[in-house]
N, C-alpha and C. Protein backbone atom coordinates (compact mmCIF):
# COMPACT_ATOMS: atom_id res chain seq x y z
N MET A 1 48.90 -63.46 -209.37
CA MET A 1 49.58 -63.47 -208.11
C MET A 1 51.00 -63.08 -208.35
N LYS A 2 51.59 -63.65 -209.39
CA LYS A 2 52.98 -63.36 -209.68
C LYS A 2 53.19 -61.86 -210.09
N GLY A 3 52.16 -61.29 -210.78
CA GLY A 3 52.20 -59.96 -211.27
C GLY A 3 52.11 -58.97 -210.04
N ASP A 4 51.29 -59.42 -209.03
CA ASP A 4 51.19 -58.56 -207.83
C ASP A 4 52.50 -58.57 -207.06
N SER A 5 53.22 -59.58 -206.96
CA SER A 5 54.37 -59.61 -206.23
C SER A 5 55.50 -58.76 -206.91
N ARG A 6 55.55 -58.81 -208.24
CA ARG A 6 56.44 -57.93 -208.97
C ARG A 6 56.14 -56.45 -208.74
N LEU A 7 54.88 -56.12 -208.70
CA LEU A 7 54.49 -54.82 -208.52
C LEU A 7 54.96 -54.29 -207.19
N TRP A 8 54.67 -55.12 -206.16
CA TRP A 8 55.12 -54.75 -204.77
C TRP A 8 56.58 -54.70 -204.71
N ILE A 9 57.28 -55.49 -205.35
CA ILE A 9 58.78 -55.40 -205.29
C ILE A 9 59.29 -54.14 -205.97
N LEU A 10 58.71 -53.95 -207.12
CA LEU A 10 59.08 -52.67 -207.83
C LEU A 10 58.79 -51.41 -206.98
N LEU A 11 57.60 -51.39 -206.37
CA LEU A 11 57.23 -50.29 -205.52
C LEU A 11 58.19 -50.13 -204.40
N LEU A 12 58.66 -51.29 -203.74
CA LEU A 12 59.63 -51.29 -202.61
C LEU A 12 60.87 -50.70 -203.01
N VAL A 13 61.33 -51.14 -204.30
CA VAL A 13 62.61 -50.68 -204.85
C VAL A 13 62.57 -49.22 -205.04
N ALA A 14 61.54 -48.68 -205.71
CA ALA A 14 61.41 -47.27 -205.97
C ALA A 14 61.31 -46.44 -204.78
N THR A 15 60.64 -46.94 -203.75
CA THR A 15 60.55 -46.25 -202.40
C THR A 15 61.93 -46.13 -201.79
N SER A 16 62.65 -47.26 -201.83
CA SER A 16 63.92 -47.33 -201.17
C SER A 16 64.90 -46.43 -201.91
N PHE A 17 64.84 -46.40 -203.23
CA PHE A 17 65.65 -45.54 -204.03
C PHE A 17 65.38 -44.04 -203.71
N LEU A 18 64.19 -43.61 -203.75
CA LEU A 18 63.80 -42.26 -203.42
C LEU A 18 64.18 -41.82 -201.94
N ALA A 19 63.94 -42.65 -201.03
CA ALA A 19 64.23 -42.39 -199.65
C ALA A 19 65.72 -42.36 -199.48
N GLY A 20 66.55 -43.24 -200.05
CA GLY A 20 67.96 -43.13 -200.02
C GLY A 20 68.54 -41.97 -200.69
N GLY A 21 68.00 -41.52 -201.84
CA GLY A 21 68.46 -40.28 -202.44
C GLY A 21 68.19 -39.00 -201.60
N ALA A 22 66.99 -38.98 -201.04
CA ALA A 22 66.61 -37.83 -200.20
C ALA A 22 67.41 -37.84 -198.92
N GLY A 23 67.69 -38.96 -198.39
CA GLY A 23 68.52 -39.06 -197.14
C GLY A 23 69.99 -38.71 -197.50
N GLY A 24 70.52 -39.00 -198.64
CA GLY A 24 71.85 -38.66 -199.01
C GLY A 24 71.95 -37.21 -199.24
N VAL A 25 70.95 -36.62 -199.81
CA VAL A 25 71.04 -35.12 -199.99
C VAL A 25 71.04 -34.33 -198.62
N LEU A 26 70.20 -34.90 -197.73
CA LEU A 26 70.10 -34.20 -196.45
C LEU A 26 71.43 -34.38 -195.63
N VAL A 27 71.98 -35.62 -195.77
CA VAL A 27 73.27 -35.91 -195.02
C VAL A 27 74.37 -35.01 -195.65
N GLY A 28 74.37 -34.89 -197.00
CA GLY A 28 75.40 -34.10 -197.73
C GLY A 28 75.31 -32.65 -197.33
N LEU A 29 74.10 -32.20 -197.08
CA LEU A 29 73.98 -30.78 -196.73
C LEU A 29 74.49 -30.53 -195.27
N GLU A 30 74.35 -31.50 -194.50
CA GLU A 30 74.74 -31.44 -193.09
C GLU A 30 76.37 -31.46 -193.00
N ILE A 31 76.97 -32.27 -193.82
CA ILE A 31 78.45 -32.45 -193.65
C ILE A 31 79.23 -31.61 -194.61
N ARG A 32 78.57 -30.66 -195.39
CA ARG A 32 79.24 -29.76 -196.28
C ARG A 32 80.09 -28.79 -195.42
N PRO A 33 81.31 -28.54 -195.82
CA PRO A 33 82.12 -27.63 -195.08
C PRO A 33 81.59 -26.28 -195.10
N PRO A 34 81.81 -25.50 -193.95
CA PRO A 34 81.28 -24.15 -193.97
C PRO A 34 81.96 -23.29 -194.98
N ALA A 35 81.26 -22.17 -195.40
CA ALA A 35 81.88 -21.31 -196.38
C ALA A 35 83.09 -20.65 -195.73
N PRO A 36 84.09 -20.37 -196.49
CA PRO A 36 85.31 -19.72 -195.82
C PRO A 36 84.96 -18.39 -195.34
N ALA A 37 85.54 -18.00 -194.18
CA ALA A 37 85.26 -16.64 -193.68
C ALA A 37 85.94 -15.61 -194.55
N PRO A 38 85.25 -14.39 -194.67
CA PRO A 38 85.89 -13.44 -195.51
C PRO A 38 87.09 -12.94 -194.80
N GLY A 39 88.17 -12.55 -195.63
CA GLY A 39 89.41 -12.10 -195.14
C GLY A 39 89.32 -10.75 -194.51
N ALA A 40 90.47 -10.33 -193.99
CA ALA A 40 90.43 -9.06 -193.27
C ALA A 40 90.29 -7.83 -194.40
N PHE A 41 90.56 -8.08 -195.64
CA PHE A 41 90.46 -7.13 -196.67
C PHE A 41 89.31 -7.32 -197.61
N ALA A 42 88.25 -8.04 -197.12
CA ALA A 42 87.07 -8.41 -197.99
C ALA A 42 86.45 -7.19 -198.50
N ASP A 43 86.21 -6.18 -197.72
CA ASP A 43 85.55 -4.95 -198.13
C ASP A 43 86.34 -4.23 -199.16
N TYR A 44 87.67 -4.13 -198.87
CA TYR A 44 88.61 -3.41 -199.87
C TYR A 44 88.66 -4.25 -201.10
N GLU A 45 88.67 -5.55 -201.10
CA GLU A 45 88.68 -6.32 -202.32
C GLU A 45 87.40 -6.09 -203.12
N ARG A 46 86.31 -6.13 -202.44
CA ARG A 46 85.03 -5.96 -203.11
C ARG A 46 84.91 -4.51 -203.83
N LEU A 47 85.43 -3.51 -203.00
CA LEU A 47 85.44 -2.17 -203.59
C LEU A 47 86.35 -2.06 -204.83
N MET A 48 87.44 -2.55 -204.70
CA MET A 48 88.44 -2.61 -205.86
C MET A 48 87.77 -3.19 -207.01
N VAL A 49 87.21 -4.39 -206.84
CA VAL A 49 86.69 -5.16 -207.97
C VAL A 49 85.64 -4.39 -208.59
N GLU A 50 84.81 -3.74 -207.79
CA GLU A 50 83.66 -2.96 -208.32
C GLU A 50 84.13 -1.60 -208.93
N ARG A 51 85.01 -0.87 -208.25
CA ARG A 51 85.45 0.47 -208.78
C ARG A 51 86.17 0.29 -210.10
N PHE A 52 87.13 -0.64 -210.13
CA PHE A 52 87.98 -0.82 -211.30
C PHE A 52 87.60 -1.83 -212.26
N ASP A 53 86.28 -2.35 -212.02
CA ASP A 53 85.66 -3.37 -212.96
C ASP A 53 86.67 -4.43 -213.23
N LEU A 54 87.23 -5.05 -212.22
CA LEU A 54 88.23 -6.07 -212.58
C LEU A 54 87.58 -7.36 -213.06
N SER A 55 88.33 -8.02 -213.99
CA SER A 55 87.92 -9.34 -214.43
C SER A 55 88.00 -10.34 -213.41
N GLU A 56 87.49 -11.50 -213.57
CA GLU A 56 87.58 -12.62 -212.52
C GLU A 56 89.05 -13.00 -212.33
N GLN A 57 89.83 -13.00 -213.42
CA GLN A 57 91.22 -13.31 -213.25
C GLN A 57 91.99 -12.27 -212.41
N ARG A 58 91.73 -10.98 -212.67
CA ARG A 58 92.36 -9.95 -211.88
C ARG A 58 91.77 -9.93 -210.48
N ALA A 59 90.57 -10.31 -210.25
CA ALA A 59 90.08 -10.32 -208.91
C ALA A 59 90.67 -11.43 -208.10
N ARG A 60 91.01 -12.57 -208.76
CA ARG A 60 91.68 -13.66 -208.10
C ARG A 60 93.11 -13.22 -207.71
N GLY A 61 93.77 -12.46 -208.71
CA GLY A 61 95.07 -12.01 -208.36
C GLY A 61 95.17 -10.99 -207.19
N LEU A 62 94.07 -10.15 -207.16
CA LEU A 62 94.05 -9.22 -206.04
C LEU A 62 93.84 -10.03 -204.70
N ARG A 63 92.91 -11.01 -204.70
CA ARG A 63 92.72 -11.80 -203.55
C ARG A 63 93.99 -12.45 -203.11
N ALA A 64 94.78 -13.00 -204.01
CA ALA A 64 96.10 -13.68 -203.73
C ALA A 64 97.07 -12.58 -203.08
N VAL A 65 97.08 -11.47 -203.63
CA VAL A 65 98.00 -10.42 -203.12
C VAL A 65 97.51 -9.99 -201.72
N LEU A 66 96.27 -9.82 -201.61
CA LEU A 66 95.73 -9.42 -200.19
C LEU A 66 95.92 -10.55 -199.22
N ASP A 67 95.72 -11.74 -199.56
CA ASP A 67 96.04 -12.91 -198.61
C ASP A 67 97.50 -12.95 -198.30
N GLN A 68 98.42 -12.72 -199.16
CA GLN A 68 99.84 -12.75 -198.88
C GLN A 68 100.13 -11.52 -197.96
N TYR A 69 99.51 -10.42 -198.20
CA TYR A 69 99.68 -9.23 -197.35
C TYR A 69 99.28 -9.55 -195.88
N GLN A 70 98.06 -10.10 -195.89
CA GLN A 70 97.60 -10.41 -194.44
C GLN A 70 98.48 -11.46 -193.79
N ARG A 71 99.05 -12.38 -194.45
CA ARG A 71 99.99 -13.37 -193.86
C ARG A 71 101.23 -12.69 -193.37
N GLN A 72 101.68 -11.76 -194.13
CA GLN A 72 102.90 -11.02 -193.74
C GLN A 72 102.71 -10.15 -192.60
N ILE A 73 101.51 -9.49 -192.51
CA ILE A 73 101.11 -8.67 -191.37
C ILE A 73 101.11 -9.49 -190.09
N ASP A 74 100.41 -10.75 -190.24
CA ASP A 74 100.33 -11.65 -189.07
C ASP A 74 101.74 -12.12 -188.58
N ARG A 75 102.66 -12.36 -189.58
CA ARG A 75 103.95 -12.71 -189.26
C ARG A 75 104.67 -11.65 -188.49
N LEU A 76 104.55 -10.42 -188.93
CA LEU A 76 105.21 -9.23 -188.19
C LEU A 76 104.57 -9.02 -186.83
N LYS A 77 103.28 -9.21 -186.74
CA LYS A 77 102.71 -9.04 -185.42
C LYS A 77 103.13 -10.09 -184.42
N ALA A 78 103.45 -11.26 -184.92
CA ALA A 78 103.86 -12.37 -184.11
C ALA A 78 105.30 -12.09 -183.57
N ARG A 79 106.01 -11.31 -184.33
CA ARG A 79 107.44 -11.03 -183.95
C ARG A 79 107.54 -10.10 -182.83
N ASN A 80 107.08 -8.86 -183.05
CA ASN A 80 107.21 -7.82 -182.05
C ASN A 80 106.24 -6.68 -182.20
N ALA A 81 105.36 -6.48 -181.24
CA ALA A 81 104.37 -5.45 -181.53
C ALA A 81 104.88 -4.01 -181.41
N ALA A 82 105.92 -3.85 -180.68
CA ALA A 82 106.58 -2.49 -180.49
C ALA A 82 107.11 -1.95 -181.75
N ALA A 83 107.78 -2.81 -182.57
CA ALA A 83 108.49 -2.28 -183.73
C ALA A 83 107.75 -2.47 -185.07
N LEU A 84 106.48 -2.68 -184.85
CA LEU A 84 105.62 -2.89 -186.06
C LEU A 84 105.45 -1.64 -186.93
N GLU A 85 105.23 -0.56 -186.50
CA GLU A 85 104.83 0.61 -187.32
C GLU A 85 105.66 0.86 -188.60
N PRO A 86 106.99 1.01 -188.49
CA PRO A 86 107.73 1.23 -189.71
C PRO A 86 107.69 0.05 -190.66
N GLU A 87 107.79 -1.17 -190.14
CA GLU A 87 107.64 -2.33 -191.07
C GLU A 87 106.32 -2.49 -191.74
N LEU A 88 105.24 -2.19 -190.99
CA LEU A 88 103.89 -2.35 -191.50
C LEU A 88 103.65 -1.18 -192.56
N SER A 89 104.15 0.02 -192.29
CA SER A 89 104.08 1.07 -193.38
C SER A 89 104.77 0.68 -194.54
N LYS A 90 106.01 0.18 -194.44
CA LYS A 90 106.78 -0.28 -195.61
C LYS A 90 106.06 -1.36 -196.42
N LEU A 91 105.51 -2.42 -195.61
CA LEU A 91 104.88 -3.52 -196.22
C LEU A 91 103.58 -3.01 -196.99
N GLY A 92 102.82 -2.03 -196.31
CA GLY A 92 101.72 -1.46 -196.92
C GLY A 92 102.00 -0.79 -198.36
N LEU A 93 103.04 -0.02 -198.35
CA LEU A 93 103.48 0.57 -199.57
C LEU A 93 103.94 -0.44 -200.61
N THR A 94 104.65 -1.53 -200.16
CA THR A 94 105.07 -2.52 -201.11
C THR A 94 103.87 -3.23 -201.82
N PHE A 95 102.87 -3.58 -200.94
CA PHE A 95 101.73 -4.23 -201.45
C PHE A 95 100.79 -3.38 -202.29
N ARG A 96 100.77 -2.06 -201.99
CA ARG A 96 100.06 -1.05 -202.80
C ARG A 96 100.67 -0.93 -204.15
N THR A 97 101.93 -1.00 -204.24
CA THR A 97 102.58 -1.08 -205.46
C THR A 97 102.37 -2.26 -206.35
N VAL A 98 102.28 -3.42 -205.63
CA VAL A 98 102.00 -4.75 -206.22
C VAL A 98 100.60 -4.66 -206.86
N VAL A 99 99.68 -4.21 -206.10
CA VAL A 99 98.37 -4.13 -206.54
C VAL A 99 98.21 -3.26 -207.70
N ARG A 100 98.80 -2.06 -207.67
CA ARG A 100 98.73 -1.06 -208.77
C ARG A 100 99.45 -1.67 -210.03
N ASP A 101 100.60 -2.25 -209.96
CA ASP A 101 101.42 -2.65 -211.05
C ASP A 101 101.02 -4.05 -211.66
N THR A 102 100.45 -4.85 -210.81
CA THR A 102 100.16 -6.20 -211.29
C THR A 102 98.80 -6.66 -211.38
N VAL A 103 97.81 -6.00 -210.63
CA VAL A 103 96.53 -6.36 -210.63
C VAL A 103 95.59 -5.51 -211.50
N LEU A 104 95.84 -4.17 -211.41
CA LEU A 104 95.00 -3.23 -212.14
C LEU A 104 95.41 -3.12 -213.65
N PRO A 105 94.49 -2.89 -214.48
CA PRO A 105 94.85 -2.53 -215.88
C PRO A 105 95.73 -1.22 -215.93
N ALA A 106 96.62 -1.22 -216.82
CA ALA A 106 97.56 -0.15 -217.00
C ALA A 106 96.82 1.21 -217.07
N ASP A 107 95.66 1.32 -217.78
CA ASP A 107 95.00 2.55 -217.91
C ASP A 107 94.28 3.02 -216.63
N ARG A 108 94.21 2.22 -215.65
CA ARG A 108 93.57 2.62 -214.32
C ARG A 108 94.60 2.76 -213.20
N ARG A 109 95.82 2.63 -213.50
CA ARG A 109 96.82 2.75 -212.42
C ARG A 109 96.98 4.14 -211.81
N GLU A 110 96.95 5.16 -212.68
CA GLU A 110 97.09 6.54 -212.25
C GLU A 110 95.88 6.86 -211.33
N GLU A 111 94.62 6.45 -211.76
CA GLU A 111 93.53 6.65 -210.88
C GLU A 111 93.67 6.14 -209.49
N PHE A 112 94.25 4.83 -209.40
CA PHE A 112 94.47 4.16 -208.20
C PHE A 112 95.48 4.96 -207.35
N SER A 113 96.54 5.43 -207.95
CA SER A 113 97.58 6.15 -207.28
C SER A 113 96.97 7.43 -206.61
N ARG A 114 96.12 8.20 -207.39
CA ARG A 114 95.55 9.28 -206.87
C ARG A 114 94.65 9.06 -205.77
N MET A 115 93.89 7.95 -205.89
CA MET A 115 92.95 7.47 -204.81
C MET A 115 93.70 7.07 -203.45
N ALA A 116 94.78 6.33 -203.71
CA ALA A 116 95.66 5.87 -202.58
C ALA A 116 96.27 6.94 -201.85
N ASP A 117 96.56 8.04 -202.61
CA ASP A 117 97.27 9.21 -202.06
C ASP A 117 96.27 10.18 -201.38
N GLY A 118 94.96 9.80 -201.50
CA GLY A 118 94.05 10.65 -200.83
C GLY A 118 93.48 11.76 -201.71
N GLU A 119 93.88 11.84 -203.00
CA GLU A 119 93.36 12.82 -203.91
C GLU A 119 91.86 12.53 -204.34
N LEU A 120 91.57 11.25 -204.40
CA LEU A 120 90.19 10.86 -204.77
C LEU A 120 89.60 10.09 -203.68
N ALA A 121 88.32 10.27 -203.50
CA ALA A 121 87.59 9.54 -202.48
C ALA A 121 87.50 8.02 -202.68
N PHE A 122 87.74 7.30 -201.59
CA PHE A 122 87.71 5.90 -201.54
C PHE A 122 86.72 5.46 -200.48
N ASP A 123 85.46 5.46 -200.81
CA ASP A 123 84.42 5.29 -199.81
C ASP A 123 84.22 3.78 -199.51
N LEU A 124 84.53 3.31 -198.34
CA LEU A 124 84.29 1.85 -198.06
C LEU A 124 82.93 1.60 -197.55
N SER A 125 82.11 2.62 -197.44
CA SER A 125 80.73 2.40 -196.93
C SER A 125 79.78 1.97 -198.18
N GLU A 126 80.21 1.98 -199.32
CA GLU A 126 79.33 1.69 -200.54
C GLU A 126 78.89 0.32 -200.41
């Protein structure tokens, strides 16, 4: 009789443990934050990482540069839409220089410059 009670208690504890664990996993999946939306330059970033075979550290650096670039574009747009073009062009050239000189390996910078100047194809459809 005593052994039967212990068996039932053990079975109840095991069932409760498994049900609680499964419930916790399901609730955890429901409250998980959504994946961050890709930035405006996600395709450009992917292409740069693939084409120049960037290490993870360099890819993170590129992502940081592109995020900063996007923030500055947004800041300019918020100021005045009519006077944007010259400042956006200047900002684009500045960040192109930052990407070339700080993100890419030294031996790939000339290739990037030729590509950015339109001498080499830079196909975003890949």
